[in-house]
PDB file of N, CA and C in Angstrom:
ATOM      1  N   UNK A   1       1.232  -3.978   0.477  1.00  0.00           N
ATOM      2  CA  UNK A   1       2.560  -3.475   0.506  1.00  0.00           C
ATOM      3  C   UNK A   1       2.223  -1.694  -0.062  1.00  0.00           C
ATOM      4  N   UNK A   2       3.316  -0.865   0.242  1.00  0.00           N
ATOM      5  CA  UNK A   2       3.089   0.471  -0.301  1.00  0.00           C
ATOM      6  C   UNK A   2       4.301   0.529  -1.464  1.00  0.00           C
ATOM      7  N   UNK A   3       4.053   1.025  -2.430  1.00  0.00           N
ATOM      8  CA  UNK A   3       4.808   1.398  -3.567  1.00  0.00           C
ATOM      9  C   UNK A   3       4.849   2.849  -3.866  1.00  0.00           C
ATOM     10  N   UNK A   4       5.691   3.294  -4.579  1.00  0.00           N
ATOM     11  CA  UNK A   4       6.007   4.809  -4.945  1.00  0.00           C
ATOM     12  C   UNK A   4       4.836   5.479  -5.948  1.00  0.00           C
ATOM     13  N   UNK A   5       4.276   6.374  -5.362  1.00  0.00           N
ATOM     14  CA  UNK A   5       3.310   7.034  -6.108  1.00  0.00           C
ATOM     15  C   UNK A   5       3.608   8.535  -6.681  1.00  0.00           C
ATOM     16  N   UNK A   6       3.293   8.936  -8.142  1.00  0.00           N
ATOM     17  CA  UNK A   6       4.202  10.371  -8.139  1.00  0.00           C
ATOM     18  C   UNK A   6       3.445  11.704  -7.561  1.00  0.00           C
ATOM     19  N   UNK A   7       2.198  11.107  -7.443  1.00  0.00           N
ATOM     20  CA  UNK A   7       1.080  12.252  -7.134  1.00  0.00           C
ATOM     21  C   UNK A   7       0.881  12.252  -5.341  1.00  0.00           C
ATOM     22  N   UNK A   8       0.817  11.285  -4.965  1.00  0.00           N
ATOM     23  CA  UNK A   8       0.520  11.152  -3.221  1.00  0.00           C
ATOM     24  C   UNK A   8       1.588  10.486  -2.407  1.00  0.00           C
ATOM     25  N   UNK A   9       2.860  10.293  -3.189  1.00  0.00           N
ATOM     26  CA  UNK A   9       3.836   9.843  -2.229  1.00  0.00           C
ATOM     27  C   UNK A   9       4.219   8.473  -2.514  1.00  0.00           C
ATOM     28  N   UNK A  10       2.932   7.488  -1.989  1.00  0.00           N
ATOM     29  CA  UNK A  10       2.815   6.068  -1.948  1.00  0.00           C
ATOM     30  C   UNK A  10       1.481   5.835  -2.339  1.00  0.00           C
ATOM     31  N   UNK A  11       1.238   4.407  -2.649  1.00  0.00           N
ATOM     32  CA  UNK A  11       0.337   3.611  -2.960  1.00  0.00           C
ATOM     33  C   UNK A  11      -0.126   2.481  -2.191  1.00  0.00           C
ATOM     34  N   UNK A  12      -1.000   2.072  -1.516  1.00  0.00           N
ATOM     35  CA  UNK A  12      -1.233   0.717  -1.074  1.00  0.00           C
ATOM     36  C   UNK A  12      -1.595  -0.023  -1.858  1.00  0.00           C
ATOM     37  N   UNK A  13      -1.412  -1.475  -2.030  1.00  0.00           N
ATOM     38  CA  UNK A  13      -1.538  -2.640  -2.537  1.00  0.00           C
ATOM     39  C   UNK A  13      -2.138  -3.561  -2.168  1.00  0.00           C
ATOM     40  N   UNK A  14      -3.361  -4.099  -1.989  1.00  0.00           N
ATOM     41  CA  UNK A  14      -3.472  -5.174  -1.190  1.00  0.00           C
ATOM     42  C   UNK A  14      -3.342  -6.535  -1.988  1.00  0.00           C
ATOM     43  N   UNK A  15      -2.630  -7.344  -1.223  1.00  0.00           N
ATOM     44  CA  UNK A  15      -1.996  -8.567  -1.982  1.00  0.00           C
ATOM     45  C   UNK A  15      -2.808  -9.554  -1.489  1.00  0.00           C
ATOM     46  N   UNK A  16      -3.287 -10.517  -2.207  1.00  0.00           N
ATOM     47  CA  UNK A  16      -4.072 -11.792  -1.686  1.00  0.00           C
ATOM     48  C   UNK A  16      -4.125 -12.812  -2.747  1.00  0.00           C
ATOM     49  N   UNK A  17      -4.671 -13.998  -1.899  1.00  0.00           N
ATOM     50  CA  UNK A  17      -4.744 -15.268  -2.870  1.00  0.00           C
ATOM     51  C   UNK A  17      -6.065 -15.473  -3.026  1.00  0.00           C
ATOM     52  N   UNK A  18      -7.446 -14.636  -2.876  1.00  0.00           N
ATOM     53  CA  UNK A  18      -8.560 -14.537  -2.694  1.00  0.00           C
ATOM     54  C   UNK A  18      -9.036 -14.214  -4.127  1.00  0.00           C
ATOM     55  N   UNK A  19      -9.196 -14.825  -5.094  1.00  0.00           N
ATOM     56  CA  UNK A  19      -9.376 -14.595  -6.469  1.00  0.00           C
ATOM     57  C   UNK A  19     -10.760 -13.839  -6.527  1.00  0.00           C
ATOM     58  N   UNK A  20     -11.618 -13.611  -5.582  1.00  0.00           N
ATOM     59  CA  UNK A  20     -12.654 -13.156  -5.383  1.00  0.00           C
ATOM     60  C   UNK A  20     -12.524 -11.524  -4.896  1.00  0.00           C
ATOM     61  N   UNK A  21     -11.317 -11.510  -4.303  1.00  0.00           N
ATOM     62  CA  UNK A  21     -11.387  -9.725  -3.678  1.00  0.00           C
ATOM     63  C   UNK A  21     -11.777  -8.676  -4.602  1.00  0.00           C
ATOM     64  N   UNK A  22     -12.066  -7.614  -4.065  1.00  0.00           N
ATOM     65  CA  UNK A  22     -12.234  -6.832  -4.927  1.00  0.00           C
ATOM     66  C   UNK A  22     -11.732  -5.263  -4.146  1.00  0.00           C
ATOM     67  N   UNK A  23     -11.466  -4.211  -4.980  1.00  0.00           N
ATOM     68  CA  UNK A  23     -11.443  -3.153  -4.107  1.00  0.00           C
ATOM     69  C   UNK A  23     -12.538  -2.572  -3.328  1.00  0.00           C
ATOM     70  N   UNK A  24     -13.686  -2.542  -4.255  1.00  0.00           N
ATOM     71  CA  UNK A  24     -15.082  -1.910  -3.890  1.00  0.00           C
ATOM     72  C   UNK A  24     -15.318  -2.684  -2.539  1.00  0.00           C
ATOM     73  N   UNK A  25     -15.241  -4.153  -2.570  1.00  0.00           N
ATOM     74  CA  UNK A  25     -15.795  -5.057  -1.598  1.00  0.00           C
ATOM     75  C   UNK A  25     -14.698  -4.472  -0.330  1.00  0.00           C
ATOM     76  N   UNK A  26     -13.451  -4.357  -0.499  1.00  0.00           N
ATOM     77  CA  UNK A  26     -13.098  -3.891   0.713  1.00  0.00           C
ATOM     78  C   UNK A  26     -13.029  -2.908   1.345  1.00  0.00           C
ATOM     79  N   UNK A  27     -13.215  -1.713   0.293  1.00  0.00           N
ATOM     80  CA  UNK A  27     -13.602  -0.060   0.613  1.00  0.00           C
ATOM     81  C   UNK A  27     -15.011  -0.223   0.994  1.00  0.00           C
ATOM     82  N   UNK A  28     -16.169  -0.939   0.862  1.00  0.00           N
ATOM     83  CA  UNK A  28     -17.157  -0.816   1.592  1.00  0.00           C
ATOM     84  C   UNK A  28     -17.362  -1.555   2.799  1.00  0.00           C
ATOM     85  N   UNK A  29     -16.401  -2.741   3.052  1.00  0.00           N
ATOM     86  CA  UNK A  29     -16.151  -3.202   4.554  1.00  0.00           C
ATOM     87  C   UNK A  29     -15.495  -2.209   5.366  1.00  0.00           C
ATOM     88  N   UNK A  30     -14.384  -1.675   4.863  1.00  0.00           N
ATOM     89  CA  UNK A  30     -13.646  -0.813   5.588  1.00  0.00           C
ATOM     90  C   UNK A  30     -14.243   0.638   6.146  1.00  0.00           C
ATOM     91  N   UNK A  31     -14.961   1.249   5.629  1.00  0.00           N
ATOM     92  CA  UNK A  31     -15.702   2.246   5.188  1.00  0.00           C
ATOM     93  C   UNK A  31     -16.562   2.005   6.526  1.00  0.00           C
ATOM     94  N   UNK A  32     -17.578   0.963   6.513  1.00  0.00           N
ATOM     95  CA  UNK A  32     -18.775   0.535   7.242  1.00  0.00           C
ATOM     96  C   UNK A  32     -17.999  -0.030   8.678  1.00  0.00           C
ATOM     97  N   UNK A  33     -16.608  -0.280   8.721  1.00  0.00           N
ATOM     98  CA  UNK A  33     -15.888  -0.045  10.223  1.00  0.00           C
ATOM     99  C   UNK A  33     -15.273   0.851  10.465  1.00  0.00           C
ATOM    100  N   UNK A  34     -15.376   2.214   9.796  1.00  0.00           N
ATOM    101  CA  UNK A  34     -14.730   3.656  10.512  1.00  0.00           C
ATOM    102  C   UNK A  34     -13.657   3.677   9.937  1.00  0.00           C
ATOM    103  N   UNK A  35     -12.879   3.081   8.794  1.00  0.00           N
ATOM    104  CA  UNK A  35     -11.592   3.133   8.118  1.00  0.00           C
ATOM    105  C   UNK A  35     -11.797   4.212   7.324  1.00  0.00           C
ATOM    106  N   UNK A  36     -10.509   4.892   7.223  1.00  0.00           N
ATOM    107  CA  UNK A  36     -10.474   6.342   6.406  1.00  0.00           C
ATOM    108  C   UNK A  36     -10.039   5.863   4.921  1.00  0.00           C
ATOM    109  N   UNK A  37     -10.135   6.584   3.948  1.00  0.00           N
ATOM    110  CA  UNK A  37      -9.695   6.369   2.786  1.00  0.00           C
ATOM    111  C   UNK A  37      -8.454   6.048   2.575  1.00  0.00           C
ATOM    112  N   UNK A  38      -7.537   6.970   3.463  1.00  0.00           N
ATOM    113  CA  UNK A  38      -6.169   6.455   3.376  1.00  0.00           C
ATOM    114  C   UNK A  38      -5.743   5.297   3.553  1.00  0.00           C
ATOM    115  N   UNK A  39      -6.583   4.498   4.600  1.00  0.00           N
ATOM    116  CA  UNK A  39      -6.290   3.211   4.648  1.00  0.00           C
ATOM    117  C   UNK A  39      -6.780   1.888   3.613  1.00  0.00           C
ATOM    118  N   UNK A  40      -7.425   2.619   2.712  1.00  0.00           N
ATOM    119  CA  UNK A  40      -7.989   1.342   1.605  1.00  0.00           C
ATOM    120  C   UNK A  40      -6.989   1.544   0.435  1.00  0.00           C
ATOM    121  N   UNK A  41      -6.331   0.135   0.050  1.00  0.00           N
ATOM    122  CA  UNK A  41      -5.611   0.139  -0.888  1.00  0.00           C
ATOM    123  C   UNK A  41      -6.192   0.800  -2.330  1.00  0.00           C
ATOM    124  N   UNK A  42      -5.346   1.047  -2.960  1.00  0.00           N
ATOM    125  CA  UNK A  42      -5.593   1.673  -4.319  1.00  0.00           C
ATOM    126  C   UNK A  42      -5.965   0.618  -5.495  1.00  0.00           C
ATOM    127  N   UNK A  43      -5.576  -0.663  -4.835  1.00  0.00           N
ATOM    128  CA  UNK A  43      -5.814  -1.935  -6.056  1.00  0.00           C
ATOM    129  C   UNK A  43      -5.271  -2.986  -5.384  1.00  0.00           C
ATOM    130  N   UNK A  44      -6.349  -3.978  -5.400  1.00  0.00           N
ATOM    131  CA  UNK A  44      -5.676  -5.271  -5.030  1.00  0.00           C
ATOM    132  C   UNK A  44      -5.424  -6.143  -6.291  1.00  0.00           C
ATOM    133  N   UNK A  45      -4.199  -6.865  -5.835  1.00  0.00           N
ATOM    134  CA  UNK A  45      -3.474  -7.906  -6.622  1.00  0.00           C
ATOM    135  C   UNK A  45      -3.437  -9.048  -6.200  1.00  0.00           C
ATOM    136  N   UNK A  46      -4.262 -10.193  -6.821  1.00  0.00           N
ATOM    137  CA  UNK A  46      -4.368 -11.450  -6.690  1.00  0.00           C
ATOM    138  C   UNK A  46      -3.163 -12.290  -7.199  1.00  0.00           C
ATOM    139  N   UNK A  47      -2.680 -12.985  -6.418  1.00  0.00           N
ATOM    140  CA  UNK A  47      -1.361 -13.887  -6.656  1.00  0.00           C
ATOM    141  C   UNK A  47      -1.891 -15.201  -5.949  1.00  0.00           C
ATOM    142  N   UNK A  48      -1.640 -16.318  -6.801  1.00  0.00           N
ATOM    143  CA  UNK A  48      -1.690 -17.875  -6.444  1.00  0.00           C
ATOM    144  C   UNK A  48      -1.830 -18.176  -5.160  1.00  0.00           C
ATOM    145  N   UNK A  49      -0.483 -17.480  -4.387  1.00  0.00           N
ATOM    146  CA  UNK A  49      -0.107 -17.334  -2.850  1.00  0.00           C
ATOM    147  C   UNK A  49       0.448 -16.416  -2.342  1.00  0.00           C
ATOM    148  N   UNK A  50       0.313 -15.721  -1.394  1.00  0.00           N
ATOM    149  CA  UNK A  50       0.943 -14.660  -0.888  1.00  0.00           C
ATOM    150  C   UNK A  50       2.428 -15.333  -0.186  1.00  0.00           C
ATOM    151  N   UNK A  51       3.509 -14.873  -0.906  1.00  0.00           N
ATOM    152  CA  UNK A  51       4.825 -15.392  -0.266  1.00  0.00           C
ATOM    153  C   UNK A  51       4.920 -15.217   1.502  1.00  0.00           C
ATOM    154  N   UNK A  52       5.488 -16.186   1.733  1.00  0.00           N
ATOM    155  CA  UNK A  52       5.600 -16.340   3.531  1.00  0.00           C
ATOM    156  C   UNK A  52       7.032 -16.821   3.434  1.00  0.00           C
ATOM    157  N   UNK A  53       7.140 -16.039   4.643  1.00  0.00           N
ATOM    158  CA  UNK A  53       8.555 -16.821   5.795  1.00  0.00           C
ATOM    159  C   UNK A  53       8.601 -18.362   6.018  1.00  0.00           C
ATOM    160  N   UNK A  54       9.724 -18.639   6.211  1.00  0.00           N
ATOM    161  CA  UNK A  54       9.715 -19.969   6.710  1.00  0.00           C
ATOM    162  C   UNK A  54       8.822 -20.030   8.361  1.00  0.00           C
ATOM    163  N   UNK A  55       8.837 -18.609   8.999  1.00  0.00           N
ATOM    164  CA  UNK A  55       8.172 -18.453  10.216  1.00  0.00           C
ATOM    165  C   UNK A  55       6.563 -18.844   9.894  1.00  0.00           C
ATOM    166  N   UNK A  56       5.949 -18.713   8.677  1.00  0.00           N
ATOM    167  CA  UNK A  56       4.597 -18.342   8.286  1.00  0.00           C
ATOM    168  C   UNK A  56       4.045 -16.981   8.115  1.00  0.00           C
ATOM    169  N   UNK A  57       4.832 -15.935   8.670  1.00  0.00           N
ATOM    170  CA  UNK A  57       4.557 -14.668   8.550  1.00  0.00           C
ATOM    171  C   UNK A  57       4.802 -14.254   6.935  1.00  0.00           C
ATOM    172  N   UNK A  58       4.036 -13.136   6.665  1.00  0.00           N
ATOM    173  CA  UNK A  58       4.049 -12.786   5.310  1.00  0.00           C
ATOM    174  C   UNK A  58       5.600 -12.300   4.820  1.00  0.00           C
ATOM    175  N   UNK A  59       6.177 -12.333   3.888  1.00  0.00           N
ATOM    176  CA  UNK A  59       7.303 -11.936   2.989  1.00  0.00           C
ATOM    177  C   UNK A  59       7.471 -10.946   2.424  1.00  0.00           C
ATOM    178  N   UNK A  60       7.185  -9.801   2.972  1.00  0.00           N
ATOM    179  CA  UNK A  60       7.124  -8.385   2.427  1.00  0.00           C
ATOM    180  C   UNK A  60       7.729  -7.996   1.252  1.00  0.00           C
ATOM    181  N   UNK A  61       9.243  -8.216   1.804  1.00  0.00           N
ATOM    182  CA  UNK A  61      10.178  -8.141   0.739  1.00  0.00           C
ATOM    183  C   UNK A  61       9.833  -8.555  -0.618  1.00  0.00           C
ATOM    184  N   UNK A  62       9.734 -10.166  -0.640  1.00  0.00           N
ATOM    185  CA  UNK A  62       9.480 -10.507  -2.147  1.00  0.00           C
ATOM    186  C   UNK A  62       7.765 -10.084  -2.462  1.00  0.00           C
ATOM    187  N   UNK A  63       7.200 -10.063  -1.455  1.00  0.00           N
ATOM    188  CA  UNK A  63       5.698  -9.464  -1.933  1.00  0.00           C
ATOM    189  C   UNK A  63       5.906  -8.344  -2.880  1.00  0.00           C
ATOM    190  N   UNK A  64       6.585  -7.277  -1.688  1.00  0.00           N
ATOM    191  CA  UNK A  64       6.900  -6.101  -2.423  1.00  0.00           C
ATOM    192  C   UNK A  64       7.662  -6.209  -3.770  1.00  0.00           C
ATOM    193  N   UNK A  65       8.566  -6.928  -4.176  1.00  0.00           N
ATOM    194  CA  UNK A  65       9.212  -6.948  -5.402  1.00  0.00           C
ATOM    195  C   UNK A  65       8.138  -7.472  -6.608  1.00  0.00           C
ATOM    196  N   UNK A  66       7.468  -8.362  -5.925  1.00  0.00           N
ATOM    197  CA  UNK A  66       6.559  -9.054  -6.998  1.00  0.00           C
ATOM    198  C   UNK A  66       5.613  -7.689  -7.592  1.00  0.00           C
ATOM    199  N   UNK A  67       4.959  -6.784  -6.560  1.00  0.00           N
ATOM    200  CA  UNK A  67       4.249  -6.070  -6.620  1.00  0.00           C
ATOM    201  C   UNK A  67       4.661  -4.765  -7.764  1.00  0.00           C
ATOM    202  N   UNK A  68       5.971  -4.811  -7.423  1.00  0.00           N
ATOM    203  CA  UNK A  68       6.589  -3.683  -8.092  1.00  0.00           C
ATOM    204  C   UNK A  68       6.764  -4.134  -9.575  1.00  0.00           C
ATOM    205  N   UNK A  69       7.409  -5.595  -9.687  1.00  0.00           N
ATOM    206  CA  UNK A  69       7.372  -6.109 -11.331  1.00  0.00           C
ATOM    207  C   UNK A  69       5.915  -6.040 -12.014  1.00  0.00           C
ATOM    208  N   UNK A  70       5.042  -6.410 -10.934  1.00  0.00           N
ATOM    209  CA  UNK A  70       3.653  -6.449 -12.145  1.00  0.00           C
ATOM    210  C   UNK A  70       3.262  -5.309 -12.329  1.00  0.00           C
ATOM    211  N   UNK A  71       3.768  -4.171 -11.330  1.00  0.00           N
ATOM    212  CA  UNK A  71       3.162  -2.561 -12.085  1.00  0.00           C
ATOM    213  C   UNK A  71       4.098  -1.910 -12.944  1.00  0.00           C
ATOM    214  N   UNK A  72       5.165  -2.364 -13.381  1.00  0.00           N
ATOM    215  CA  UNK A  72       6.309  -2.162 -14.066  1.00  0.00           C
ATOM    216  C   UNK A  72       7.075  -0.960 -13.522  1.00  0.00           C
ATOM    217  N   UNK A  73       7.213  -0.772 -12.205  1.00  0.00           N
ATOM    218  CA  UNK A  73       8.096  -0.394 -11.162  1.00  0.00           C
ATOM    219  C   UNK A  73       9.703  -0.959 -11.257  1.00  0.00           C
ATOM    220  N   UNK A  74      10.654  -0.037 -10.860  1.00  0.00           N
ATOM    221  CA  UNK A  74      12.023  -0.488 -10.929  1.00  0.00           C
ATOM    222  C   UNK A  74      12.059  -1.397  -9.748  1.00  0.00           C
ATOM    223  N   UNK A  75      12.666  -2.376  -9.800  1.00  0.00           N
ATOM    224  CA  UNK A  75      12.612  -3.824  -8.629  1.00  0.00           C
ATOM    225  C   UNK A  75      13.548  -2.820  -7.548  1.00  0.00           C
ATOM    226  N   UNK A  76      13.263  -3.368  -6.123  1.00  0.00           N
ATOM    227  CA  UNK A  76      13.401  -3.222  -4.853  1.00  0.00           C
ATOM    228  C   UNK A  76      14.861  -3.614  -4.935  1.00  0.00           C
ATOM    229  N   UNK A  77      15.715  -2.925  -4.636  1.00  0.00           N
ATOM    230  CA  UNK A  77      17.000  -3.115  -4.094  1.00  0.00           C
ATOM    231  C   UNK A  77      17.596  -3.970  -3.026  1.00  0.00           C
ATOM    232  N   UNK A  78      18.258  -5.018  -3.184  1.00  0.00           N
ATOM    233  CA  UNK A  78      18.334  -5.806  -2.085  1.00  0.00           C
ATOM    234  C   UNK A  78      19.150  -4.759  -0.947  1.00  0.00           C
ATOM    235  N   UNK A  79      18.916  -5.172   0.187  1.00  0.00           N
ATOM    236  CA  UNK A  79      19.838  -4.490   1.578  1.00  0.00           C
ATOM    237  C   UNK A  79      20.827  -4.964   2.017  1.00  0.00           C
TER     238      UNK A  79
END
């Protein structure tokens, strides 16, 4: 998910249920496959389970709310 960042505008956060996931491993893999630094998340947040919609797709609204709460950012306003 993307959250606001005072210096860069926004910051990418990788949310996963894999407790072995690290930013360093992700960055190494991404760079080895041609990804730019902009596509590499600033940090990895491990949750017991990534929130899903009834369709099985990721629930980005709930995930973003959880990330913002964990990072101490103001909550996402409901649309």
